[in-house]
Amino acid sequence: VQLQASGGGLVQAGGYLRLSCAASVRAFGSYGVGWFRQAPGKEREFVAAIRWNGVTTYYANAVKGRFAISRDNAANTVDLQMKMLNPEDAAVYYCAADRDRVPDYDGSSYYRAAMNYDYWGQGTLVTVSS
């Protein structure tokens, strides 16, 4: 599985960016996909995740209501729309994928943990100017 993250860039505070994760894999619809971010000097943190069906989603509290994750299984892509960006959102954003095998009642905790993802993209840089 190869993942390619794109869409990062420089944006002013309050602005908008759309990140995209393109996957080179058969049966992409059987994978859960997450976005994580890592700012300089900080640990990688969970941002959002989406289950195979595109319906079940999870968000970090810091981005809830501002970010939206979606997927197109036919196109093998997962997007992260980010609005009302602030300087605390600046980081390298990574997409990650894992076979979606977890029951729904376990999904929230499972997909928030970076250690549970088998495949990672190279990251795309988001810079937010104040």
Protein backbone atom coordinates (compact mmCIF):
# COMPACT_ATOMS: atom_id res chain seq x y z
CA VAL A 1 0.00 0.00 0.00
CA GLN A 2 1.39 3.38 -0.99
CA LEU A 3 -0.10 6.63 0.25
CA GLN A 4 0.55 10.06 -1.18
CA ALA A 5 -0.50 13.12 0.81
CA SER A 6 -0.85 16.47 -0.94
CA GLY A 7 -2.48 19.86 -0.64
CA GLY A 8 -0.40 21.48 2.06
CA GLY A 9 0.79 25.04 1.82
CA LEU A 10 0.85 28.46 3.41
CA VAL A 11 -2.42 29.99 4.54
CA GLN A 12 -3.40 32.91 6.70
CA ALA A 13 -5.10 32.36 10.02
CA GLY A 14 -8.79 31.86 9.44
CA GLY A 15 -8.13 30.39 6.03
CA TYR A 16 -8.91 27.10 4.35
CA LEU A 17 -6.95 24.18 2.95
CA ARG A 18 -7.93 20.85 1.49
CA LEU A 19 -5.55 17.95 1.91
CA SER A 20 -5.82 14.80 -0.14
CA CYS A 21 -4.49 11.31 0.40
CA ALA A 22 -4.22 9.12 -2.69
CA ALA A 23 -3.81 5.39 -2.19
CA SER A 24 -2.27 2.85 -4.51
CA VAL A 25 -3.94 -0.31 -3.33
CA ARG A 26 -6.57 -2.76 -4.43
CA ALA A 27 -9.76 -2.85 -2.41
CA PHE A 28 -9.17 0.60 -0.94
CA GLY A 29 -12.70 0.44 0.35
CA SER A 30 -11.63 -2.14 2.92
CA TYR A 31 -9.22 0.25 4.65
CA GLY A 32 -9.74 2.74 7.40
CA VAL A 33 -7.79 5.95 6.86
CA GLY A 34 -6.56 8.49 9.35
CA TRP A 35 -4.87 11.87 9.32
CA PHE A 36 -2.22 12.73 11.87
CA ARG A 37 -0.04 15.77 12.30
CA GLN A 38 3.26 16.59 13.85
CA ALA A 39 4.49 20.05 14.70
CA PRO A 40 8.16 20.79 15.38
CA GLY A 41 9.20 19.57 18.80
CA LYS A 42 5.88 17.85 19.41
CA GLU A 43 4.66 14.31 19.18
CA ARG A 44 2.54 13.09 16.31
CA GLU A 45 -1.12 13.55 17.14
CA PHE A 46 -4.38 12.25 15.79
CA VAL A 47 -6.50 14.60 13.68
CA ALA A 48 -9.30 12.63 12.03
CA ALA A 49 -10.16 9.19 10.70
CA ILE A 50 -12.76 7.60 8.48
CA ARG A 51 -13.93 4.01 8.33
CA TRP A 52 -14.20 1.93 5.17
CA ASN A 53 -17.82 2.91 4.61
CA GLY A 54 -17.21 6.63 4.57
CA VAL A 55 -19.92 7.14 7.15
CA THR A 56 -18.19 6.61 10.47
CA THR A 57 -15.72 9.35 11.27
CA TYR A 58 -13.67 10.41 14.27
CA TYR A 59 -12.13 13.78 15.10
CA ALA A 60 -9.74 15.17 17.63
CA ASN A 61 -11.41 17.70 19.90
CA ALA A 62 -9.06 20.40 18.67
CA VAL A 63 -10.39 20.18 15.12
CA LYS A 64 -14.00 19.13 15.61
CA GLY A 65 -16.34 21.49 13.83
CA ARG A 66 -13.53 22.96 11.68
CA PHE A 67 -12.18 19.92 9.82
CA ALA A 68 -14.10 17.41 7.75
CA ILE A 69 -12.82 14.06 6.49
CA SER A 70 -14.36 12.31 3.51
CA ARG A 71 -13.46 9.57 1.08
CA ASP A 72 -14.07 8.46 -2.47
CA ASN A 73 -13.48 4.73 -2.68
CA ALA A 74 -13.84 4.71 -6.44
CA ALA A 75 -11.00 7.23 -6.74
CA ASN A 76 -8.93 5.77 -3.87
CA THR A 77 -8.76 9.10 -2.10
CA VAL A 78 -9.44 10.52 1.32
CA ASP A 79 -9.73 14.28 1.75
CA LEU A 80 -9.37 16.48 4.79
CA GLN A 81 -11.04 19.85 4.50
CA MET A 82 -9.67 22.30 7.02
CA LYS A 83 -11.28 25.66 7.72
CA MET A 84 -10.76 28.40 10.26
CA LEU A 85 -7.12 27.40 10.46
CA ASN A 86 -5.05 28.85 13.24
CA PRO A 87 -1.30 28.81 13.95
CA GLU A 88 -1.76 25.81 16.26
CA ASP A 89 -2.80 23.79 13.20
CA ALA A 90 0.57 24.27 11.54
CA ALA A 91 2.32 20.92 11.19
CA VAL A 92 3.29 18.20 8.79
CA TYR A 93 0.14 16.24 8.07
CA TYR A 94 0.32 12.52 7.40
CA CYS A 95 -2.29 10.13 6.12
CA ALA A 96 -2.25 6.53 7.23
CA ALA A 97 -4.23 3.41 6.41
CA ASP A 98 -5.09 0.13 8.02
CA ARG A 99 -7.31 -2.78 7.12
CA ASP A 100 -10.71 -1.97 8.57
CA ARG A 101 -11.26 -5.00 10.80
CA VAL A 102 -12.28 -3.41 14.07
CA PRO A 103 -15.85 -3.56 15.39
CA ASP A 104 -17.65 -0.24 15.46
CA TYR A 105 -17.64 -0.09 19.25
CA ASP A 106 -13.83 -0.26 19.27
CA GLY A 107 -13.27 2.06 16.35
CA SER A 108 -12.93 5.38 18.14
CA SER A 109 -10.01 4.38 20.32
CA TYR A 110 -8.43 2.16 17.68
CA TYR A 111 -8.25 4.72 14.90
CA ARG A 112 -6.93 7.46 17.17
CA ALA A 113 -3.75 5.51 17.85
CA ALA A 114 -0.95 5.91 15.34
CA MET A 115 0.49 2.54 16.31
CA ASN A 116 -2.52 0.78 14.81
CA TYR A 117 -1.86 1.94 11.26
CA ASP A 118 0.29 -0.21 9.02
CA TYR A 119 0.80 2.19 6.13
CA TRP A 120 1.88 5.83 6.10
CA GLY A 121 2.29 8.53 3.51
CA GLN A 122 5.21 10.95 3.37
CA GLY A 123 3.46 13.99 4.84
CA THR A 124 2.48 17.40 3.55
CA LEU A 125 3.39 20.66 5.28
CA VAL A 126 0.74 23.08 6.46
CA THR A 127 1.90 26.53 7.53
CA VAL A 128 -0.49 29.04 9.08
CA SER A 129 0.53 32.66 9.36
CA SER A 130 -0.96 34.80 12.10
